[in-house]
Amino acid sequence: MFVIRLADGTLRVPQSLTSDDGRLIGNAYVEIAPGEPDYDHYLTESITEEEEATRRRRWQDENDALEQEFLAFKAEQD
């Protein structure tokens, strides 16, 4: 998950919620507006929505070879 910078300057920051024993309950985004605490910190690592979409597409496209390799490995195990 990435820090995503929206067109209006708002940041969507990933946040995880865990139980007291450390189990993951869920992942979500919280929005931080300019001027709020930690905004400047997160701004330096943020990417635009378009950059996030490009990264996702590239990962899916490049994942095909890895998936085929895994399926071949799995077939050998059966």
PDB file of N, CA and C in Angstrom:
ATOM      1  N   MET A   1       0.847  -1.169   0.000  1.00  0.00           N
ATOM      2  CA  MET A   1       0.000   0.000   0.000  1.00  0.00           C
ATOM      3  C   MET A   1       0.896   1.237   0.000  1.00  0.00           C
ATOM      4  N   PHE A   2       0.481   2.230  -0.731  1.00  0.00           N
ATOM      5  CA  PHE A   2       1.249   3.453  -0.881  1.00  0.00           C
ATOM      6  C   PHE A   2       0.496   4.627  -0.279  1.00  0.00           C
ATOM      7  N   VAL A   3       1.239   5.684   0.044  1.00  0.00           N
ATOM      8  CA  VAL A   3       0.615   6.956   0.389  1.00  0.00           C
ATOM      9  C   VAL A   3       0.235   7.606  -0.927  1.00  0.00           C
ATOM     10  N   ILE A   4      -1.044   7.880  -1.108  1.00  0.00           N
ATOM     11  CA  ILE A   4      -1.542   8.397  -2.380  1.00  0.00           C
ATOM     12  C   ILE A   4      -1.931   9.867  -2.211  1.00  0.00           C
ATOM     13  N   ARG A   5      -1.387  10.698  -3.111  1.00  0.00           N
ATOM     14  CA  ARG A   5      -1.667  12.135  -3.113  1.00  0.00           C
ATOM     15  C   ARG A   5      -2.794  12.433  -4.094  1.00  0.00           C
ATOM     16  N   LEU A   6      -3.896  12.932  -3.586  1.00  0.00           N
ATOM     17  CA  LEU A   6      -5.039  13.259  -4.423  1.00  0.00           C
ATOM     18  C   LEU A   6      -4.846  14.633  -5.076  1.00  0.00           C
ATOM     19  N   ALA A   7      -5.631  14.918  -6.079  1.00  0.00           N
ATOM     20  CA  ALA A   7      -5.503  16.165  -6.838  1.00  0.00           C
ATOM     21  C   ALA A   7      -5.665  17.404  -5.963  1.00  0.00           C
ATOM     22  N   ASP A   8      -6.480  17.310  -4.911  1.00  0.00           N
ATOM     23  CA  ASP A   8      -6.692  18.477  -4.038  1.00  0.00           C
ATOM     24  C   ASP A   8      -5.634  18.606  -2.951  1.00  0.00           C
ATOM     25  N   GLY A   9      -4.617  17.723  -2.954  1.00  0.00           N
ATOM     26  CA  GLY A   9      -3.541  17.783  -1.969  1.00  0.00           C
ATOM     27  C   GLY A   9      -3.743  16.870  -0.778  1.00  0.00           C
ATOM     28  N   THR A  10      -4.926  16.339  -0.616  1.00  0.00           N
ATOM     29  CA  THR A  10      -5.191  15.403   0.472  1.00  0.00           C
ATOM     30  C   THR A  10      -4.368  14.136   0.253  1.00  0.00           C
ATOM     31  N   LEU A  11      -3.892  13.560   1.340  1.00  0.00           N
ATOM     32  CA  LEU A  11      -3.147  12.306   1.268  1.00  0.00           C
ATOM     33  C   LEU A  11      -3.994  11.170   1.807  1.00  0.00           C
ATOM     34  N   ARG A  12      -3.954  10.041   1.135  1.00  0.00           N
ATOM     35  CA  ARG A  12      -4.558   8.804   1.651  1.00  0.00           C
ATOM     36  C   ARG A  12      -3.408   7.961   2.174  1.00  0.00           C
ATOM     37  N   VAL A  13      -3.414   7.759   3.483  1.00  0.00           N
ATOM     38  CA  VAL A  13      -2.317   7.069   4.158  1.00  0.00           C
ATOM     39  C   VAL A  13      -2.804   5.701   4.619  1.00  0.00           C
ATOM     40  N   PRO A  14      -2.073   4.629   4.263  1.00  0.00           N
ATOM     41  CA  PRO A  14      -2.491   3.297   4.705  1.00  0.00           C
ATOM     42  C   PRO A  14      -2.359   3.159   6.219  1.00  0.00           C
ATOM     43  N   GLN A  15      -3.308   2.459   6.792  1.00  0.00           N
ATOM     44  CA  GLN A  15      -3.295   2.211   8.226  1.00  0.00           C
ATOM     45  C   GLN A  15      -3.828   0.816   8.476  1.00  0.00           C
ATOM     46  N   SER A  16      -3.146   0.077   9.343  1.00  0.00           N
ATOM     47  CA  SER A  16      -3.573  -1.269   9.704  1.00  0.00           C
ATOM     48  C   SER A  16      -4.125  -1.270  11.119  1.00  0.00           C
ATOM     49  N   LEU A  17      -5.120  -2.088  11.334  1.00  0.00           N
ATOM     50  CA  LEU A  17      -5.697  -2.266  12.660  1.00  0.00           C
ATOM     51  C   LEU A  17      -5.382  -3.692  13.100  1.00  0.00           C
ATOM     52  N   THR A  18      -4.774  -3.808  14.270  1.00  0.00           N
ATOM     53  CA  THR A  18      -4.427  -5.129  14.788  1.00  0.00           C
ATOM     54  C   THR A  18      -5.083  -5.348  16.144  1.00  0.00           C
ATOM     55  N   SER A  19      -5.259  -6.624  16.473  1.00  0.00           N
ATOM     56  CA  SER A  19      -5.826  -6.968  17.775  1.00  0.00           C
ATOM     57  C   SER A  19      -4.729  -6.867  18.832  1.00  0.00           C
ATOM     58  N   ASP A  20      -5.107  -7.004  20.080  1.00  0.00           N
ATOM     59  CA  ASP A  20      -4.140  -6.923  21.177  1.00  0.00           C
ATOM     60  C   ASP A  20      -3.054  -7.982  21.073  1.00  0.00           C
ATOM     61  N   ASP A  21      -3.379  -9.125  20.475  1.00  0.00           N
ATOM     62  CA  ASP A  21      -2.379 -10.186  20.344  1.00  0.00           C
ATOM     63  C   ASP A  21      -1.611 -10.108  19.024  1.00  0.00           C
ATOM     64  N   GLY A  22      -1.794  -9.019  18.279  1.00  0.00           N
ATOM     65  CA  GLY A  22      -1.003  -8.796  17.073  1.00  0.00           C
ATOM     66  C   GLY A  22      -1.611  -9.285  15.780  1.00  0.00           C
ATOM     67  N   ARG A  23      -2.782  -9.905  15.822  1.00  0.00           N
ATOM     68  CA  ARG A  23      -3.409 -10.377  14.588  1.00  0.00           C
ATOM     69  C   ARG A  23      -3.954  -9.202  13.789  1.00  0.00           C
ATOM     70  N   LEU A  24      -3.814  -9.282  12.489  1.00  0.00           N
ATOM     71  CA  LEU A  24      -4.312  -8.242  11.604  1.00  0.00           C
ATOM     72  C   LEU A  24      -5.831  -8.306  11.530  1.00  0.00           C
ATOM     73  N   ILE A  25      -6.470  -7.186  11.802  1.00  0.00           N
ATOM     74  CA  ILE A  25      -7.925  -7.106  11.699  1.00  0.00           C
ATOM     75  C   ILE A  25      -8.314  -6.555  10.333  1.00  0.00           C
ATOM     76  N   GLY A  26      -7.587  -5.559   9.862  1.00  0.00           N
ATOM     77  CA  GLY A  26      -7.896  -5.002   8.553  1.00  0.00           C
ATOM     78  C   GLY A  26      -6.952  -3.888   8.158  1.00  0.00           C
ATOM     79  N   ASN A  27      -6.966  -3.573   6.871  1.00  0.00           N
ATOM     80  CA  ASN A  27      -6.197  -2.475   6.310  1.00  0.00           C
ATOM     81  C   ASN A  27      -7.162  -1.466   5.722  1.00  0.00           C
ATOM     82  N   ALA A  28      -6.823  -0.206   5.840  1.00  0.00           N
ATOM     83  CA  ALA A  28      -7.670   0.854   5.296  1.00  0.00           C
ATOM     84  C   ALA A  28      -6.789   2.061   5.002  1.00  0.00           C
ATOM     85  N   TYR A  29      -7.398   3.071   4.420  1.00  0.00           N
ATOM     86  CA  TYR A  29      -6.725   4.348   4.210  1.00  0.00           C
ATOM     87  C   TYR A  29      -7.390   5.391   5.088  1.00  0.00           C
ATOM     88  N   VAL A  30      -6.580   6.281   5.658  1.00  0.00           N
ATOM     89  CA  VAL A  30      -7.095   7.459   6.346  1.00  0.00           C
ATOM     90  C   VAL A  30      -6.659   8.671   5.533  1.00  0.00           C
ATOM     91  N   GLU A  31      -7.473   9.707   5.514  1.00  0.00           N
ATOM     92  CA  GLU A  31      -7.138  10.898   4.746  1.00  0.00           C
ATOM     93  C   GLU A  31      -6.565  11.963   5.664  1.00  0.00           C
ATOM     94  N   ILE A  32      -5.456  12.573   5.210  1.00  0.00           N
ATOM     95  CA  ILE A  32      -4.790  13.638   5.949  1.00  0.00           C
ATOM     96  C   ILE A  32      -4.730  14.850   5.036  1.00  0.00           C
ATOM     97  N   ALA A  33      -5.267  15.965   5.512  1.00  0.00           N
ATOM     98  CA  ALA A  33      -5.310  17.202   4.723  1.00  0.00           C
ATOM     99  C   ALA A  33      -4.063  18.044   5.001  1.00  0.00           C
ATOM    100  N   PRO A  34      -3.716  18.923   4.068  1.00  0.00           N
ATOM    101  CA  PRO A  34      -2.588  19.829   4.312  1.00  0.00           C
ATOM    102  C   PRO A  34      -2.773  20.574   5.633  1.00  0.00           C
ATOM    103  N   GLY A  35      -1.682  20.702   6.389  1.00  0.00           N
ATOM    104  CA  GLY A  35      -1.721  21.389   7.672  1.00  0.00           C
ATOM    105  C   GLY A  35      -1.918  20.475   8.864  1.00  0.00           C
ATOM    106  N   GLU A  36      -2.369  19.239   8.622  1.00  0.00           N
ATOM    107  CA  GLU A  36      -2.554  18.302   9.735  1.00  0.00           C
ATOM    108  C   GLU A  36      -1.200  17.721  10.145  1.00  0.00           C
ATOM    109  N   PRO A  37      -1.127  17.236  11.402  1.00  0.00           N
ATOM    110  CA  PRO A  37       0.127  16.627  11.859  1.00  0.00           C
ATOM    111  C   PRO A  37       0.564  15.488  10.929  1.00  0.00           C
ATOM    112  N   ASP A  38       1.838  15.367  10.703  1.00  0.00           N
ATOM    113  CA  ASP A  38       2.467  14.332   9.876  1.00  0.00           C
ATOM    114  C   ASP A  38       2.232  14.505   8.378  1.00  0.00           C
ATOM    115  N   TYR A  39       1.492  15.528   7.958  1.00  0.00           N
ATOM    116  CA  TYR A  39       1.236  15.723   6.531  1.00  0.00           C
ATOM    117  C   TYR A  39       2.556  15.838   5.760  1.00  0.00           C
ATOM    118  N   ASP A  40       3.450  16.709   6.228  1.00  0.00           N
ATOM    119  CA  ASP A  40       4.711  16.932   5.511  1.00  0.00           C
ATOM    120  C   ASP A  40       5.550  15.661   5.444  1.00  0.00           C
ATOM    121  N   HIS A  41       5.520  14.868   6.498  1.00  0.00           N
ATOM    122  CA  HIS A  41       6.264  13.604   6.517  1.00  0.00           C
ATOM    123  C   HIS A  41       5.754  12.656   5.431  1.00  0.00           C
ATOM    124  N   TYR A  42       4.459  12.482   5.352  1.00  0.00           N
ATOM    125  CA  TYR A  42       3.869  11.572   4.375  1.00  0.00           C
ATOM    126  C   TYR A  42       3.940  12.117   2.953  1.00  0.00           C
ATOM    127  N   LEU A  43       3.917  13.435   2.812  1.00  0.00           N
ATOM    128  CA  LEU A  43       3.964  14.054   1.484  1.00  0.00           C
ATOM    129  C   LEU A  43       5.226  13.643   0.729  1.00  0.00           C
ATOM    130  N   THR A  44       6.345  13.530   1.436  1.00  0.00           N
ATOM    131  CA  THR A  44       7.618  13.200   0.775  1.00  0.00           C
ATOM    132  C   THR A  44       7.617  11.809   0.164  1.00  0.00           C
ATOM    133  N   GLU A  45       6.791  10.902   0.680  1.00  0.00           N
ATOM    134  CA  GLU A  45       6.765   9.547   0.148  1.00  0.00           C
ATOM    135  C   GLU A  45       5.518   9.241  -0.676  1.00  0.00           C
ATOM    136  N   SER A  46       4.707  10.259  -0.931  1.00  0.00           N
ATOM    137  CA  SER A  46       3.440  10.036  -1.630  1.00  0.00           C
ATOM    138  C   SER A  46       3.626   9.927  -3.137  1.00  0.00           C
ATOM    139  N   ILE A  47       2.667   9.248  -3.766  1.00  0.00           N
ATOM    140  CA  ILE A  47       2.610   9.151  -5.217  1.00  0.00           C
ATOM    141  C   ILE A  47       1.196   9.534  -5.647  1.00  0.00           C
ATOM    142  N   THR A  48       1.056   9.921  -6.908  1.00  0.00           N
ATOM    143  CA  THR A  48      -0.268  10.298  -7.398  1.00  0.00           C
ATOM    144  C   THR A  48      -1.107   9.049  -7.658  1.00  0.00           C
ATOM    145  N   GLU A  49      -2.399   9.254  -7.844  1.00  0.00           N
ATOM    146  CA  GLU A  49      -3.284   8.136  -8.175  1.00  0.00           C
ATOM    147  C   GLU A  49      -2.869   7.502  -9.496  1.00  0.00           C
ATOM    148  N   GLU A  50      -2.425   8.315 -10.452  1.00  0.00           N
ATOM    149  CA  GLU A  50      -1.993   7.794 -11.748  1.00  0.00           C
ATOM    150  C   GLU A  50      -0.734   6.942 -11.603  1.00  0.00           C
ATOM    151  N   GLU A  51       0.211   7.399 -10.765  1.00  0.00           N
ATOM    152  CA  GLU A  51       1.426   6.612 -10.527  1.00  0.00           C
ATOM    153  C   GLU A  51       1.093   5.277  -9.868  1.00  0.00           C
ATOM    154  N   GLU A  52       0.146   5.294  -8.942  1.00  0.00           N
ATOM    155  CA  GLU A  52      -0.255   4.052  -8.270  1.00  0.00           C
ATOM    156  C   GLU A  52      -0.892   3.093  -9.275  1.00  0.00           C
ATOM    157  N   ALA A  53      -1.738   3.605 -10.158  1.00  0.00           N
ATOM    158  CA  ALA A  53      -2.376   2.762 -11.173  1.00  0.00           C
ATOM    159  C   ALA A  53      -1.339   2.176 -12.124  1.00  0.00           C
ATOM    160  N   THR A  54      -0.344   2.964 -12.504  1.00  0.00           N
ATOM    161  CA  THR A  54       0.728   2.481 -13.380  1.00  0.00           C
ATOM    162  C   THR A  54       1.519   1.376 -12.698  1.00  0.00           C
ATOM    163  N   ARG A  55       1.852   1.566 -11.434  1.00  0.00           N
ATOM    164  CA  ARG A  55       2.593   0.535 -10.684  1.00  0.00           C
ATOM    165  C   ARG A  55       1.784  -0.759 -10.591  1.00  0.00           C
ATOM    166  N   ARG A  56       0.491  -0.620 -10.331  1.00  0.00           N
ATOM    167  CA  ARG A  56      -0.364  -1.799 -10.222  1.00  0.00           C
ATOM    168  C   ARG A  56      -0.427  -2.552 -11.549  1.00  0.00           C
ATOM    169  N   ARG A  57      -0.622  -1.801 -12.650  1.00  0.00           N
ATOM    170  CA  ARG A  57      -0.659  -2.431 -13.978  1.00  0.00           C
ATOM    171  C   ARG A  57       0.651  -3.121 -14.303  1.00  0.00           C
ATOM    172  N   ARG A  58       1.763  -2.435 -14.036  1.00  0.00           N
ATOM    173  CA  ARG A  58       3.083  -3.009 -14.317  1.00  0.00           C
ATOM    174  C   ARG A  58       3.296  -4.283 -13.498  1.00  0.00           C
ATOM    175  N   TRP A  59       2.912  -4.254 -12.225  1.00  0.00           N
ATOM    176  CA  TRP A  59       3.077  -5.433 -11.380  1.00  0.00           C
ATOM    177  C   TRP A  59       2.255  -6.591 -11.935  1.00  0.00           C
ATOM    178  N   GLN A  60       1.015  -6.321 -12.345  1.00  0.00           N
ATOM    179  CA  GLN A  60       0.164  -7.384 -12.887  1.00  0.00           C
ATOM    180  C   GLN A  60       0.734  -7.927 -14.187  1.00  0.00           C
ATOM    181  N   ASP A  61       1.221  -7.043 -15.050  1.00  0.00           N
ATOM    182  CA  ASP A  61       1.793  -7.472 -16.332  1.00  0.00           C
ATOM    183  C   ASP A  61       3.058  -8.297 -16.132  1.00  0.00           C
ATOM    184  N   GLU A  62       3.925  -7.837 -15.227  1.00  0.00           N
ATOM    185  CA  GLU A  62       5.190  -8.527 -14.997  1.00  0.00           C
ATOM    186  C   GLU A  62       5.028  -9.776 -14.151  1.00  0.00           C
ATOM    187  N   ASN A  63       3.889  -9.937 -13.518  1.00  0.00           N
ATOM    188  CA  ASN A  63       3.637 -11.077 -12.656  1.00  0.00           C
ATOM    189  C   ASN A  63       3.360 -12.351 -13.454  1.00  0.00           C
ATOM    190  N   ASP A  64       3.008 -12.229 -14.734  1.00  0.00           N
ATOM    191  CA  ASP A  64       2.644 -13.392 -15.540  1.00  0.00           C
ATOM    192  C   ASP A  64       3.741 -14.454 -15.565  1.00  0.00           C
ATOM    193  N   ALA A  65       4.983 -14.045 -15.782  1.00  0.00           N
ATOM    194  CA  ALA A  65       6.088 -15.002 -15.845  1.00  0.00           C
ATOM    195  C   ALA A  65       6.273 -15.692 -14.493  1.00  0.00           C
ATOM    196  N   LEU A  66       6.196 -14.936 -13.422  1.00  0.00           N
ATOM    197  CA  LEU A  66       6.339 -15.518 -12.088  1.00  0.00           C
ATOM    198  C   LEU A  66       5.212 -16.497 -11.800  1.00  0.00           C
ATOM    199  N   GLU A  67       3.997 -16.143 -12.201  1.00  0.00           N
ATOM    200  CA  GLU A  67       2.854 -17.031 -11.993  1.00  0.00           C
ATOM    201  C   GLU A  67       3.033 -18.337 -12.770  1.00  0.00           C
ATOM    202  N   GLN A  68       3.494 -18.255 -14.010  1.00  0.00           N
ATOM    203  CA  GLN A  68       3.717 -19.451 -14.818  1.00  0.00           C
ATOM    204  C   GLN A  68       4.792 -20.344 -14.185  1.00  0.00           C
ATOM    205  N   GLU A  69       5.835 -19.718 -13.664  1.00  0.00           N
ATOM    206  CA  GLU A  69       6.895 -20.481 -12.994  1.00  0.00           C
ATOM    207  C   GLU A  69       6.345 -21.185 -11.763  1.00  0.00           C
ATOM    208  N   PHE A  70       5.507 -20.504 -11.002  1.00  0.00           N
ATOM    209  CA  PHE A  70       4.907 -21.114  -9.817  1.00  0.00           C
ATOM    210  C   PHE A  70       4.000 -22.274 -10.199  1.00  0.00           C
ATOM    211  N   LEU A  71       3.174 -22.087 -11.224  1.00  0.00           N
ATOM    212  CA  LEU A  71       2.265 -23.150 -11.648  1.00  0.00           C
ATOM    213  C   LEU A  71       3.028 -24.376 -12.131  1.00  0.00           C
ATOM    214  N   ALA A  72       4.148 -24.164 -12.816  1.00  0.00           N
ATOM    215  CA  ALA A  72       4.972 -25.281 -13.263  1.00  0.00           C
ATOM    216  C   ALA A  72       5.560 -26.009 -12.051  1.00  0.00           C
ATOM    217  N   PHE A  73       6.043 -25.251 -11.071  1.00  0.00           N
ATOM    218  CA  PHE A  73       6.576 -25.844  -9.842  1.00  0.00           C
ATOM    219  C   PHE A  73       5.494 -26.643  -9.129  1.00  0.00           C
ATOM    220  N   LYS A  74       4.309 -26.061  -9.009  1.00  0.00           N
ATOM    221  CA  LYS A  74       3.199 -26.723  -8.333  1.00  0.00           C
ATOM    222  C   LYS A  74       2.827 -28.027  -9.043  1.00  0.00           C
ATOM    223  N   ALA A  75       2.814 -28.007 -10.368  1.00  0.00           N
ATOM    224  CA  ALA A  75       2.491 -29.218 -11.143  1.00  0.00           C
ATOM    225  C   ALA A  75       3.506 -30.317 -10.886  1.00  0.00           C
ATOM    226  N   GLU A  76       4.769 -29.951 -10.732  1.00  0.00           N
ATOM    227  CA  GLU A  76       5.804 -30.938 -10.446  1.00  0.00           C
ATOM    228  C   GLU A  76       5.613 -31.575  -9.069  1.00  0.00           C
ATOM    229  N   GLN A  77       5.048 -30.825  -8.138  1.00  0.00           N
ATOM    230  CA  GLN A  77       4.846 -31.318  -6.773  1.00  0.00           C
ATOM    231  C   GLN A  77       3.693 -32.292  -6.678  1.00  0.00           C
ATOM    232  N   ASP A  78       2.752 -32.243  -7.615  1.00  0.00           N
ATOM    233  CA  ASP A  78       1.563 -33.114  -7.573  1.00  0.00           C
ATOM    234  C   ASP A  78       1.817 -34.463  -8.104  1.00  0.00           C
TER     235      ASP A  78
END
